[in-house]
């Protein structure tokens, strides 16, 4: 599991460095799914699948830019490092901040994004 998480993070870093938004989005989904699986919560996995498509429709491609990718992946690196270093409290705090940032991103979208 540790190797899979590190591999996903490395690949997201490469996608970010190359500006490959499509690859980053695929890897982002896999990264979030792996972390949810590691947490052992089937309810979380179900909830994530239910909100995935609406979020994709809201966030991409209209509002997700290279800057957004960099900010998101910066959060991912902090979370990955905390998990791999065995710091669950730091990982939880970083994930909560990451989710809040995503929520703020959606809340800041213009009204036409919701049509």
PDB file of N, CA and C in Angstrom:
ATOM      1  N   UNK A   1       0.812  -1.193   0.000  1.00  0.00           N
ATOM      2  CA  UNK A   1       0.000   0.000   0.000  1.00  0.00           C
ATOM      3  C   UNK A   1       0.864   1.270   0.000  1.00  0.00           C
ATOM      4  N   UNK A   2       1.941   1.224   0.767  1.00  0.00           N
ATOM      5  CA  UNK A   2       2.847   2.375   0.834  1.00  0.00           C
ATOM      6  C   UNK A   2       3.465   2.638  -0.537  1.00  0.00           C
ATOM      7  N   UNK A   3       3.883   1.565  -1.203  1.00  0.00           N
ATOM      8  CA  UNK A   3       4.496   1.723  -2.526  1.00  0.00           C
ATOM      9  C   UNK A   3       3.477   2.260  -3.531  1.00  0.00           C
ATOM     10  N   UNK A   4       2.239   1.788  -3.446  1.00  0.00           N
ATOM     11  CA  UNK A   4       1.199   2.256  -4.371  1.00  0.00           C
ATOM     12  C   UNK A   4       0.914   3.739  -4.145  1.00  0.00           C
ATOM     13  N   UNK A   5       0.855   4.151  -2.880  1.00  0.00           N
ATOM     14  CA  UNK A   5       0.609   5.563  -2.580  1.00  0.00           C
ATOM     15  C   UNK A   5       1.761   6.428  -3.077  1.00  0.00           C
ATOM     16  N   UNK A   6       2.980   5.986  -2.829  1.00  0.00           N
ATOM     17  CA  UNK A   6       4.140   6.760  -3.294  1.00  0.00           C
ATOM     18  C   UNK A   6       4.185   6.817  -4.810  1.00  0.00           C
ATOM     19  N   UNK A   7       3.847   5.707  -5.467  1.00  0.00           N
ATOM     20  CA  UNK A   7       3.836   5.678  -6.930  1.00  0.00           C
ATOM     21  C   UNK A   7       2.814   6.667  -7.492  1.00  0.00           C
ATOM     22  N   UNK A   8       1.616   6.685  -6.923  1.00  0.00           N
ATOM     23  CA  UNK A   8       0.601   7.629  -7.391  1.00  0.00           C
ATOM     24  C   UNK A   8       1.066   9.063  -7.186  1.00  0.00           C
ATOM     25  N   UNK A   9       1.674   9.340  -6.033  1.00  0.00           N
ATOM     26  CA  UNK A   9       2.150  10.697  -5.774  1.00  0.00           C
ATOM     27  C   UNK A   9       3.232  11.104  -6.768  1.00  0.00           C
ATOM     28  N   UNK A  10       4.153  10.197  -7.042  1.00  0.00           N
ATOM     29  CA  UNK A  10       5.218  10.481  -8.011  1.00  0.00           C
ATOM     30  C   UNK A  10       4.643  10.750  -9.387  1.00  0.00           C
ATOM     31  N   UNK A  11       3.661   9.950  -9.774  1.00  0.00           N
ATOM     32  CA  UNK A  11       3.043  10.138 -11.088  1.00  0.00           C
ATOM     33  C   UNK A  11       2.245  11.432 -11.159  1.00  0.00           C
ATOM     34  N   UNK A  12       1.576  11.815 -10.049  1.00  0.00           N
ATOM     35  CA  UNK A  12       0.885  13.112 -10.032  1.00  0.00           C
ATOM     36  C   UNK A  12       1.885  14.255 -10.126  1.00  0.00           C
ATOM     37  N   UNK A  13       3.011  14.112  -9.439  1.00  0.00           N
ATOM     38  CA  UNK A  13       4.061  15.128  -9.540  1.00  0.00           C
ATOM     39  C   UNK A  13       4.531  15.281 -10.978  1.00  0.00           C
ATOM     40  N   UNK A  14       4.722  14.149 -11.656  1.00  0.00           N
ATOM     41  CA  UNK A  14       5.157  14.182 -13.055  1.00  0.00           C
ATOM     42  C   UNK A  14       4.099  14.823 -13.950  1.00  0.00           C
ATOM     43  N   UNK A  15       2.832  14.487 -13.719  1.00  0.00           N
ATOM     44  CA  UNK A  15       1.750  15.075 -14.513  1.00  0.00           C
ATOM     45  C   UNK A  15       1.681  16.577 -14.280  1.00  0.00           C
ATOM     46  N   UNK A  16       1.828  16.991 -13.030  1.00  0.00           N
ATOM     47  CA  UNK A  16       1.827  18.422 -12.724  1.00  0.00           C
ATOM     48  C   UNK A  16       2.996  19.115 -13.427  1.00  0.00           C
ATOM     49  N   UNK A  17       4.179  18.540 -13.323  1.00  0.00           N
ATOM     50  CA  UNK A  17       5.369  19.142 -13.934  1.00  0.00           C
ATOM     51  C   UNK A  17       5.219  19.250 -15.455  1.00  0.00           C
ATOM     52  N   UNK A  18       4.529  18.268 -16.048  1.00  0.00           N
ATOM     53  CA  UNK A  18       4.326  18.269 -17.486  1.00  0.00           C
ATOM     54  C   UNK A  18       3.075  19.012 -17.930  1.00  0.00           C
ATOM     55  N   UNK A  19       2.308  19.532 -16.976  1.00  0.00           N
ATOM     56  CA  UNK A  19       1.080  20.238 -17.321  1.00  0.00           C
ATOM     57  C   UNK A  19       0.018  19.330 -17.925  1.00  0.00           C
ATOM     58  N   UNK A  20       0.067  18.044 -17.597  1.00  0.00           N
ATOM     59  CA  UNK A  20      -0.856  17.065 -18.176  1.00  0.00           C
ATOM     60  C   UNK A  20      -2.091  16.932 -17.281  1.00  0.00           C
ATOM     61  N   UNK A  21      -3.075  17.789 -17.521  1.00  0.00           N
ATOM     62  CA  UNK A  21      -4.275  17.842 -16.695  1.00  0.00           C
ATOM     63  C   UNK A  21      -5.076  16.542 -16.770  1.00  0.00           C
ATOM     64  N   UNK A  22      -5.159  15.935 -17.940  1.00  0.00           N
ATOM     65  CA  UNK A  22      -5.921  14.686 -18.064  1.00  0.00           C
ATOM     66  C   UNK A  22      -5.300  13.580 -17.212  1.00  0.00           C
ATOM     67  N   UNK A  23      -3.985  13.431 -17.304  1.00  0.00           N
ATOM     68  CA  UNK A  23      -3.309  12.408 -16.494  1.00  0.00           C
ATOM     69  C   UNK A  23      -3.455  12.729 -15.016  1.00  0.00           C
ATOM     70  N   UNK A  24      -3.292  14.009 -14.661  1.00  0.00           N
ATOM     71  CA  UNK A  24      -3.410  14.394 -13.259  1.00  0.00           C
ATOM     72  C   UNK A  24      -4.796  14.049 -12.722  1.00  0.00           C
ATOM     73  N   UNK A  25      -5.829  14.328 -13.493  1.00  0.00           N
ATOM     74  CA  UNK A  25      -7.196  14.042 -13.035  1.00  0.00           C
ATOM     75  C   UNK A  25      -7.409  12.554 -12.801  1.00  0.00           C
ATOM     76  N   UNK A  26      -6.907  11.730 -13.703  1.00  0.00           N
ATOM     77  CA  UNK A  26      -7.032  10.277 -13.525  1.00  0.00           C
ATOM     78  C   UNK A  26      -6.283   9.818 -12.278  1.00  0.00           C
ATOM     79  N   UNK A  27      -5.070  10.328 -12.107  1.00  0.00           N
ATOM     80  CA  UNK A  27      -4.261   9.956 -10.950  1.00  0.00           C
ATOM     81  C   UNK A  27      -4.864  10.495  -9.651  1.00  0.00           C
ATOM     82  N   UNK A  28      -5.424  11.690  -9.709  1.00  0.00           N
ATOM     83  CA  UNK A  28      -6.065  12.293  -8.550  1.00  0.00           C
ATOM     84  C   UNK A  28      -7.193  11.390  -8.052  1.00  0.00           C
ATOM     85  N   UNK A  29      -7.995  10.923  -8.970  1.00  0.00           N
ATOM     86  CA  UNK A  29      -9.100  10.037  -8.595  1.00  0.00           C
ATOM     87  C   UNK A  29      -8.561   8.755  -7.959  1.00  0.00           C
ATOM     88  N   UNK A  30      -7.530   8.177  -8.566  1.00  0.00           N
ATOM     89  CA  UNK A  30      -6.948   6.948  -8.024  1.00  0.00           C
ATOM     90  C   UNK A  30      -6.335   7.184  -6.641  1.00  0.00           C
ATOM     91  N   UNK A  31      -5.697   8.337  -6.462  1.00  0.00           N
ATOM     92  CA  UNK A  31      -5.068   8.680  -5.177  1.00  0.00           C
ATOM     93  C   UNK A  31      -6.129   8.785  -4.077  1.00  0.00           C
ATOM     94  N   UNK A  32      -7.203   9.532  -4.363  1.00  0.00           N
ATOM     95  CA  UNK A  32      -8.274   9.671  -3.369  1.00  0.00           C
ATOM     96  C   UNK A  32      -8.915   8.319  -3.070  1.00  0.00           C
ATOM     97  N   UNK A  33      -9.121   7.530  -4.099  1.00  0.00           N
ATOM     98  CA  UNK A  33      -9.733   6.215  -3.902  1.00  0.00           C
ATOM     99  C   UNK A  33      -8.827   5.315  -3.056  1.00  0.00           C
ATOM    100  N   UNK A  34      -7.540   5.323  -3.320  1.00  0.00           N
ATOM    101  CA  UNK A  34      -6.616   4.496  -2.541  1.00  0.00           C
ATOM    102  C   UNK A  34      -6.643   4.906  -1.070  1.00  0.00           C
ATOM    103  N   UNK A  35      -6.611   6.192  -0.809  1.00  0.00           N
ATOM    104  CA  UNK A  35      -6.638   6.648   0.582  1.00  0.00           C
ATOM    105  C   UNK A  35      -7.945   6.233   1.255  1.00  0.00           C
ATOM    106  N   UNK A  36      -9.056   6.348   0.552  1.00  0.00           N
ATOM    107  CA  UNK A  36     -10.336   5.911   1.120  1.00  0.00           C
ATOM    108  C   UNK A  36     -10.311   4.407   1.388  1.00  0.00           C
ATOM    109  N   UNK A  37      -9.735   3.642   0.473  1.00  0.00           N
ATOM    110  CA  UNK A  37      -9.622   2.188   0.682  1.00  0.00           C
ATOM    111  C   UNK A  37      -8.745   1.876   1.884  1.00  0.00           C
ATOM    112  N   UNK A  38      -7.646   2.591   2.012  1.00  0.00           N
ATOM    113  CA  UNK A  38      -6.750   2.371   3.146  1.00  0.00           C
ATOM    114  C   UNK A  38      -7.447   2.682   4.464  1.00  0.00           C
ATOM    115  N   UNK A  39      -8.375   3.633   4.436  1.00  0.00           N
ATOM    116  CA  UNK A  39      -9.128   3.988   5.628  1.00  0.00           C
ATOM    117  C   UNK A  39     -10.168   2.953   6.006  1.00  0.00           C
ATOM    118  N   UNK A  40     -10.476   2.052   5.092  1.00  0.00           N
ATOM    119  CA  UNK A  40     -11.393   0.956   5.389  1.00  0.00           C
ATOM    120  C   UNK A  40     -12.849   1.364   5.562  1.00  0.00           C
ATOM    121  N   UNK A  41     -13.272   2.400   4.847  1.00  0.00           N
ATOM    122  CA  UNK A  41     -14.651   2.865   4.998  1.00  0.00           C
ATOM    123  C   UNK A  41     -15.427   2.668   3.698  1.00  0.00           C
ATOM    124  N   UNK A  42     -16.215   1.599   3.599  1.00  0.00           N
ATOM    125  CA  UNK A  42     -17.039   1.417   2.402  1.00  0.00           C
ATOM    126  C   UNK A  42     -18.011   2.577   2.192  1.00  0.00           C
ATOM    127  N   UNK A  43     -18.501   3.164   3.275  1.00  0.00           N
ATOM    128  CA  UNK A  43     -19.432   4.290   3.153  1.00  0.00           C
ATOM    129  C   UNK A  43     -18.746   5.482   2.491  1.00  0.00           C
ATOM    130  N   UNK A  44     -17.500   5.716   2.827  1.00  0.00           N
ATOM    131  CA  UNK A  44     -16.756   6.811   2.204  1.00  0.00           C
ATOM    132  C   UNK A  44     -16.572   6.555   0.715  1.00  0.00           C
ATOM    133  N   UNK A  45     -16.232   5.345   0.350  1.00  0.00           N
ATOM    134  CA  UNK A  45     -16.070   5.017  -1.077  1.00  0.00           C
ATOM    135  C   UNK A  45     -17.372   5.237  -1.838  1.00  0.00           C
ATOM    136  N   UNK A  46     -18.482   4.828  -1.260  1.00  0.00           N
ATOM    137  CA  UNK A  46     -19.784   5.032  -1.895  1.00  0.00           C
ATOM    138  C   UNK A  46     -20.075   6.515  -2.064  1.00  0.00           C
ATOM    139  N   UNK A  47     -19.838   7.297  -1.018  1.00  0.00           N
ATOM    140  CA  UNK A  47     -20.083   8.743  -1.084  1.00  0.00           C
ATOM    141  C   UNK A  47     -19.198   9.394  -2.135  1.00  0.00           C
ATOM    142  N   UNK A  48     -17.952   8.981  -2.200  1.00  0.00           N
ATOM    143  CA  UNK A  48     -17.038   9.557  -3.188  1.00  0.00           C
ATOM    144  C   UNK A  48     -17.516   9.278  -4.611  1.00  0.00           C
ATOM    145  N   UNK A  49     -17.989   8.084  -4.856  1.00  0.00           N
ATOM    146  CA  UNK A  49     -18.472   7.747  -6.194  1.00  0.00           C
ATOM    147  C   UNK A  49     -19.725   8.545  -6.538  1.00  0.00           C
ATOM    148  N   UNK A  50     -20.561   8.801  -5.557  1.00  0.00           N
ATOM    149  CA  UNK A  50     -21.793   9.555  -5.808  1.00  0.00           C
ATOM    150  C   UNK A  50     -21.514  11.012  -6.166  1.00  0.00           C
ATOM    151  N   UNK A  51     -20.488  11.601  -5.574  1.00  0.00           N
ATOM    152  CA  UNK A  51     -20.219  13.016  -5.837  1.00  0.00           C
ATOM    153  C   UNK A  51     -19.195  13.240  -6.938  1.00  0.00           C
ATOM    154  N   UNK A  52     -18.531  12.188  -7.377  1.00  0.00           N
ATOM    155  CA  UNK A  52     -17.453  12.343  -8.361  1.00  0.00           C
ATOM    156  C   UNK A  52     -17.916  13.000  -9.649  1.00  0.00           C
ATOM    157  N   UNK A  53     -18.942  12.492 -10.281  1.00  0.00           N
ATOM    158  CA  UNK A  53     -19.377  13.043 -11.562  1.00  0.00           C
ATOM    159  C   UNK A  53     -19.847  14.487 -11.438  1.00  0.00           C
ATOM    160  N   UNK A  54     -20.701  14.826 -10.462  1.00  0.00           N
ATOM    161  CA  UNK A  54     -21.076  16.242 -10.343  1.00  0.00           C
ATOM    162  C   UNK A  54     -19.868  17.156 -10.112  1.00  0.00           C
ATOM    163  N   UNK A  55     -18.904  16.707  -9.329  1.00  0.00           N
ATOM    164  CA  UNK A  55     -17.719  17.540  -9.099  1.00  0.00           C
ATOM    165  C   UNK A  55     -16.901  17.703 -10.374  1.00  0.00           C
ATOM    166  N   UNK A  56     -16.759  16.634 -11.121  1.00  0.00           N
ATOM    167  CA  UNK A  56     -16.012  16.718 -12.376  1.00  0.00           C
ATOM    168  C   UNK A  56     -16.690  17.702 -13.314  1.00  0.00           C
ATOM    169  N   UNK A  57     -17.996  17.637 -13.380  1.00  0.00           N
ATOM    170  CA  UNK A  57     -18.725  18.553 -14.258  1.00  0.00           C
ATOM    171  C   UNK A  57     -18.562  20.000 -13.824  1.00  0.00           C
ATOM    172  N   UNK A  58     -18.488  20.246 -12.513  1.00  0.00           N
ATOM    173  CA  UNK A  58     -18.319  21.607 -12.015  1.00  0.00           C
ATOM    174  C   UNK A  58     -16.887  22.110 -12.177  1.00  0.00           C
ATOM    175  N   UNK A  59     -15.939  21.272 -11.881  1.00  0.00           N
ATOM    176  CA  UNK A  59     -14.559  21.730 -11.778  1.00  0.00           C
ATOM    177  C   UNK A  59     -13.805  21.676 -13.095  1.00  0.00           C
ATOM    178  N   UNK A  60     -14.164  20.778 -13.965  1.00  0.00           N
ATOM    179  CA  UNK A  60     -13.340  20.561 -15.146  1.00  0.00           C
ATOM    180  C   UNK A  60     -14.171  20.702 -16.404  1.00  0.00           C
ATOM    181  N   UNK A  61     -13.670  21.224 -17.458  1.00  0.00           N
ATOM    182  CA  UNK A  61     -12.384  21.904 -17.543  1.00  0.00           C
ATOM    183  C   UNK A  61     -12.471  23.386 -17.235  1.00  0.00           C
ATOM    184  N   UNK A  62     -13.661  23.897 -17.008  1.00  0.00           N
ATOM    185  CA  UNK A  62     -13.863  25.341 -16.899  1.00  0.00           C
ATOM    186  C   UNK A  62     -13.003  26.011 -15.842  1.00  0.00           C
ATOM    187  N   UNK A  63     -12.903  25.416 -14.683  1.00  0.00           N
ATOM    188  CA  UNK A  63     -12.308  26.146 -13.574  1.00  0.00           C
ATOM    189  C   UNK A  63     -11.017  25.540 -13.054  1.00  0.00           C
ATOM    190  N   UNK A  64     -10.566  24.445 -13.645  1.00  0.00           N
ATOM    191  CA  UNK A  64      -9.363  23.799 -13.141  1.00  0.00           C
ATOM    192  C   UNK A  64      -8.208  24.165 -14.057  1.00  0.00           C
ATOM    193  N   UNK A  65      -7.222  24.827 -13.513  1.00  0.00           N
ATOM    194  CA  UNK A  65      -6.103  25.325 -14.298  1.00  0.00           C
ATOM    195  C   UNK A  65      -4.814  24.702 -13.789  1.00  0.00           C
ATOM    196  N   UNK A  66      -3.713  25.090 -14.402  1.00  0.00           N
ATOM    197  CA  UNK A  66      -2.398  24.638 -13.934  1.00  0.00           C
ATOM    198  C   UNK A  66      -2.173  25.085 -12.497  1.00  0.00           C
ATOM    199  N   UNK A  67      -2.643  26.295 -12.154  1.00  0.00           N
ATOM    200  CA  UNK A  67      -2.507  26.772 -10.776  1.00  0.00           C
ATOM    201  C   UNK A  67      -3.311  25.898  -9.819  1.00  0.00           C
ATOM    202  N   UNK A  68      -4.516  25.533 -10.208  1.00  0.00           N
ATOM    203  CA  UNK A  68      -5.350  24.672  -9.369  1.00  0.00           C
ATOM    204  C   UNK A  68      -4.699  23.307  -9.190  1.00  0.00           C
ATOM    205  N   UNK A  69      -4.135  22.792 -10.267  1.00  0.00           N
ATOM    206  CA  UNK A  69      -3.464  21.501 -10.205  1.00  0.00           C
ATOM    207  C   UNK A  69      -2.287  21.575  -9.235  1.00  0.00           C
ATOM    208  N   UNK A  70      -1.532  22.662  -9.301  1.00  0.00           N
ATOM    209  CA  UNK A  70      -0.373  22.817  -8.416  1.00  0.00           C
ATOM    210  C   UNK A  70      -0.823  22.905  -6.962  1.00  0.00           C
ATOM    211  N   UNK A  71      -1.860  23.684  -6.691  1.00  0.00           N
ATOM    212  CA  UNK A  71      -2.349  23.805  -5.311  1.00  0.00           C
ATOM    213  C   UNK A  71      -2.863  22.466  -4.791  1.00  0.00           C
ATOM    214  N   UNK A  72      -3.629  21.777  -5.619  1.00  0.00           N
ATOM    215  CA  UNK A  72      -4.172  20.487  -5.218  1.00  0.00           C
ATOM    216  C   UNK A  72      -3.050  19.493  -4.941  1.00  0.00           C
ATOM    217  N   UNK A  73      -2.071  19.445  -5.832  1.00  0.00           N
ATOM    218  CA  UNK A  73      -0.995  18.472  -5.661  1.00  0.00           C
ATOM    219  C   UNK A  73      -0.082  18.840  -4.496  1.00  0.00           C
ATOM    220  N   UNK A  74       0.035  20.115  -4.196  1.00  0.00           N
ATOM    221  CA  UNK A  74       0.803  20.517  -3.006  1.00  0.00           C
ATOM    222  C   UNK A  74       0.135  19.913  -1.769  1.00  0.00           C
ATOM    223  N   UNK A  75      -1.193  19.994  -1.713  1.00  0.00           N
ATOM    224  CA  UNK A  75      -1.930  19.357  -0.617  1.00  0.00           C
ATOM    225  C   UNK A  75      -1.683  17.850  -0.607  1.00  0.00           C
ATOM    226  N   UNK A  76      -1.733  17.239  -1.785  1.00  0.00           N
ATOM    227  CA  UNK A  76      -1.524  15.792  -1.888  1.00  0.00           C
ATOM    228  C   UNK A  76      -0.152  15.399  -1.334  1.00  0.00           C
ATOM    229  N   UNK A  77       0.866  16.184  -1.669  1.00  0.00           N
ATOM    230  CA  UNK A  77       2.214  15.854  -1.180  1.00  0.00           C
ATOM    231  C   UNK A  77       2.279  15.893   0.343  1.00  0.00           C
ATOM    232  N   UNK A  78       1.619  16.877   0.945  1.00  0.00           N
ATOM    233  CA  UNK A  78       1.606  16.972   2.413  1.00  0.00           C
ATOM    234  C   UNK A  78       0.890  15.754   3.009  1.00  0.00           C
ATOM    235  N   UNK A  79      -0.241  15.396   2.438  1.00  0.00           N
ATOM    236  CA  UNK A  79      -1.017  14.256   2.938  1.00  0.00           C
ATOM    237  C   UNK A  79      -0.236  12.961   2.755  1.00  0.00           C
ATOM    238  N   UNK A  80       0.326  12.764   1.570  1.00  0.00           N
ATOM    239  CA  UNK A  80       1.106  11.557   1.300  1.00  0.00           C
ATOM    240  C   UNK A  80       2.274  11.442   2.269  1.00  0.00           C
ATOM    241  N   UNK A  81       2.986  12.533   2.477  1.00  0.00           N
ATOM    242  CA  UNK A  81       4.127  12.514   3.394  1.00  0.00           C
ATOM    243  C   UNK A  81       3.685  12.157   4.811  1.00  0.00           C
ATOM    244  N   UNK A  82       2.572  12.733   5.258  1.00  0.00           N
ATOM    245  CA  UNK A  82       2.080  12.441   6.600  1.00  0.00           C
ATOM    246  C   UNK A  82       1.695  10.971   6.742  1.00  0.00           C
ATOM    247  N   UNK A  83       1.025  10.427   5.736  1.00  0.00           N
ATOM    248  CA  UNK A  83       0.631   9.016   5.785  1.00  0.00           C
ATOM    249  C   UNK A  83       1.866   8.131   5.806  1.00  0.00           C
ATOM    250  N   UNK A  84       2.786   8.384   4.901  1.00  0.00           N
ATOM    251  CA  UNK A  84       3.970   7.527   4.791  1.00  0.00           C
ATOM    252  C   UNK A  84       4.897   7.645   5.998  1.00  0.00           C
ATOM    253  N   UNK A  85       4.831   8.770   6.688  1.00  0.00           N
ATOM    254  CA  UNK A  85       5.682   8.931   7.878  1.00  0.00           C
ATOM    255  C   UNK A  85       4.991   8.429   9.145  1.00  0.00           C
ATOM    256  N   UNK A  86       3.768   7.920   8.999  1.00  0.00           N
ATOM    257  CA  UNK A  86       3.058   7.377  10.149  1.00  0.00           C
ATOM    258  C   UNK A  86       2.514   8.436  11.083  1.00  0.00           C
ATOM    259  N   UNK A  87       2.063   9.549  10.517  1.00  0.00           N
ATOM    260  CA  UNK A  87       1.521  10.661  11.304  1.00  0.00           C
ATOM    261  C   UNK A  87       0.033  10.831  11.002  1.00  0.00           C
ATOM    262  N   UNK A  88      -0.820   9.991  11.616  1.00  0.00           N
ATOM    263  CA  UNK A  88      -2.247  10.043  11.268  1.00  0.00           C
ATOM    264  C   UNK A  88      -2.920  11.373  11.595  1.00  0.00           C
ATOM    265  N   UNK A  89      -2.537  12.007  12.696  1.00  0.00           N
ATOM    266  CA  UNK A  89      -3.161  13.285  13.028  1.00  0.00           C
ATOM    267  C   UNK A  89      -2.813  14.351  11.995  1.00  0.00           C
ATOM    268  N   UNK A  90      -1.571  14.371  11.557  1.00  0.00           N
ATOM    269  CA  UNK A  90      -1.152  15.331  10.530  1.00  0.00           C
ATOM    270  C   UNK A  90      -1.838  15.017   9.199  1.00  0.00           C
ATOM    271  N   UNK A  91      -1.964  13.733   8.875  1.00  0.00           N
ATOM    272  CA  UNK A  91      -2.638  13.342   7.630  1.00  0.00           C
ATOM    273  C   UNK A  91      -4.101  13.767   7.659  1.00  0.00           C
ATOM    274  N   UNK A  92      -4.760  13.546   8.792  1.00  0.00           N
ATOM    275  CA  UNK A  92      -6.162  13.934   8.906  1.00  0.00           C
ATOM    276  C   UNK A  92      -6.324  15.450   8.784  1.00  0.00           C
ATOM    277  N   UNK A  93      -5.482  16.200   9.469  1.00  0.00           N
ATOM    278  CA  UNK A  93      -5.572  17.663   9.408  1.00  0.00           C
ATOM    279  C   UNK A  93      -5.322  18.153   7.989  1.00  0.00           C
ATOM    280  N   UNK A  94      -4.353  17.569   7.311  1.00  0.00           N
ATOM    281  CA  UNK A  94      -4.044  17.985   5.943  1.00  0.00           C
ATOM    282  C   UNK A  94      -5.179  17.613   4.986  1.00  0.00           C
ATOM    283  N   UNK A  95      -5.790  16.448   5.187  1.00  0.00           N
ATOM    284  CA  UNK A  95      -6.903  16.050   4.319  1.00  0.00           C
ATOM    285  C   UNK A  95      -8.109  16.948   4.563  1.00  0.00           C
ATOM    286  N   UNK A  96      -8.358  17.297   5.811  1.00  0.00           N
ATOM    287  CA  UNK A  96      -9.476  18.202   6.102  1.00  0.00           C
ATOM    288  C   UNK A  96      -9.252  19.552   5.415  1.00  0.00           C
ATOM    289  N   UNK A  97      -8.035  20.055   5.473  1.00  0.00           N
ATOM    290  CA  UNK A  97      -7.715  21.324   4.807  1.00  0.00           C
ATOM    291  C   UNK A  97      -7.896  21.187   3.297  1.00  0.00           C
ATOM    292  N   UNK A  98      -7.500  20.047   2.746  1.00  0.00           N
ATOM    293  CA  UNK A  98      -7.626  19.789   1.302  1.00  0.00           C
ATOM    294  C   UNK A  98      -9.106  19.773   0.888  1.00  0.00           C
ATOM    295  N   UNK A  99      -9.931  19.110   1.668  1.00  0.00           N
ATOM    296  CA  UNK A  99     -11.364  19.048   1.366  1.00  0.00           C
ATOM    297  C   UNK A  99     -11.978  20.446   1.488  1.00  0.00           C
ATOM    298  N   UNK A 100     -11.591  21.188   2.511  1.00  0.00           N
ATOM    299  CA  UNK A 100     -12.106  22.555   2.658  1.00  0.00           C
ATOM    300  C   UNK A 100     -11.711  23.419   1.465  1.00  0.00           C
ATOM    301  N   UNK A 101     -10.481  23.274   1.001  1.00  0.00           N
ATOM    302  CA  UNK A 101     -10.036  24.049  -0.163  1.00  0.00           C
ATOM    303  C   UNK A 101     -10.853  23.679  -1.397  1.00  0.00           C
ATOM    304  N   UNK A 102     -11.137  22.401  -1.571  1.00  0.00           N
ATOM    305  CA  UNK A 102     -11.969  21.974  -2.695  1.00  0.00           C
ATOM    306  C   UNK A 102     -13.374  22.531  -2.594  1.00  0.00           C
ATOM    307  N   UNK A 103     -13.918  22.517  -1.394  1.00  0.00           N
ATOM    308  CA  UNK A 103     -15.248  23.089  -1.188  1.00  0.00           C
ATOM    309  C   UNK A 103     -15.252  24.583  -1.493  1.00  0.00           C
ATOM    310  N   UNK A 104     -14.216  25.282  -1.064  1.00  0.00           N
ATOM    311  CA  UNK A 104     -14.121  26.727  -1.327  1.00  0.00           C
ATOM    312  C   UNK A 104     -14.015  26.985  -2.821  1.00  0.00           C
ATOM    313  N   UNK A 105     -13.295  26.123  -3.527  1.00  0.00           N
ATOM    314  CA  UNK A 105     -13.159  26.255  -4.986  1.00  0.00           C
ATOM    315  C   UNK A 105     -14.532  26.160  -5.650  1.00  0.00           C
ATOM    316  N   UNK A 106     -15.309  25.155  -5.256  1.00  0.00           N
ATOM    317  CA  UNK A 106     -16.646  24.985  -5.833  1.00  0.00           C
ATOM    318  C   UNK A 106     -17.547  26.154  -5.447  1.00  0.00           C
ATOM    319  N   UNK A 107     -17.485  26.599  -4.205  1.00  0.00           N
ATOM    320  CA  UNK A 107     -18.327  27.703  -3.745  1.00  0.00           C
ATOM    321  C   UNK A 107     -18.014  29.006  -4.483  1.00  0.00           C
ATOM    322  N   UNK A 108     -16.783  29.160  -4.933  1.00  0.00           N
ATOM    323  CA  UNK A 108     -16.381  30.388  -5.613  1.00  0.00           C
ATOM    324  C   UNK A 108     -16.691  30.386  -7.110  1.00  0.00           C
ATOM    325  N   UNK A 109     -17.184  29.263  -7.633  1.00  0.00           N
ATOM    326  CA  UNK A 109     -17.503  29.202  -9.054  1.00  0.00           C
ATOM    327  C   UNK A 109     -18.644  30.157  -9.367  1.00  0.00           C
ATOM    328  N   UNK A 110     -18.629  30.720 -10.578  1.00  0.00           N
ATOM    329  CA  UNK A 110     -19.718  31.622 -10.958  1.00  0.00           C
ATOM    330  C   UNK A 110     -21.027  30.855 -11.153  1.00  0.00           C
ATOM    331  N   UNK A 111     -22.158  31.536 -11.035  1.00  0.00           N
ATOM    332  CA  UNK A 111     -23.463  30.872 -11.157  1.00  0.00           C
ATOM    333  C   UNK A 111     -23.624  30.058 -12.440  1.00  0.00           C
ATOM    334  N   UNK A 112     -23.032  30.526 -13.535  1.00  0.00           N
ATOM    335  CA  UNK A 112     -23.204  29.796 -14.791  1.00  0.00           C
ATOM    336  C   UNK A 112     -22.553  28.410 -14.771  1.00  0.00           C
ATOM    337  N   UNK A 113     -21.648  28.167 -13.837  1.00  0.00           N
ATOM    338  CA  UNK A 113     -21.020  26.844 -13.735  1.00  0.00           C
ATOM    339  C   UNK A 113     -22.023  25.790 -13.263  1.00  0.00           C
ATOM    340  N   UNK A 114     -23.131  26.218 -12.674  1.00  0.00           N
ATOM    341  CA  UNK A 114     -24.101  25.298 -12.114  1.00  0.00           C
ATOM    342  C   UNK A 114     -25.297  25.063 -13.032  1.00  0.00           C
ATOM    343  N   UNK A 115     -25.229  25.563 -14.238  1.00  0.00           N
ATOM    344  CA  UNK A 115     -26.338  25.373 -15.187  1.00  0.00           C
ATOM    345  C   UNK A 115     -26.206  24.106 -15.956  1.00  0.00           C
TER     346      UNK A 115
END
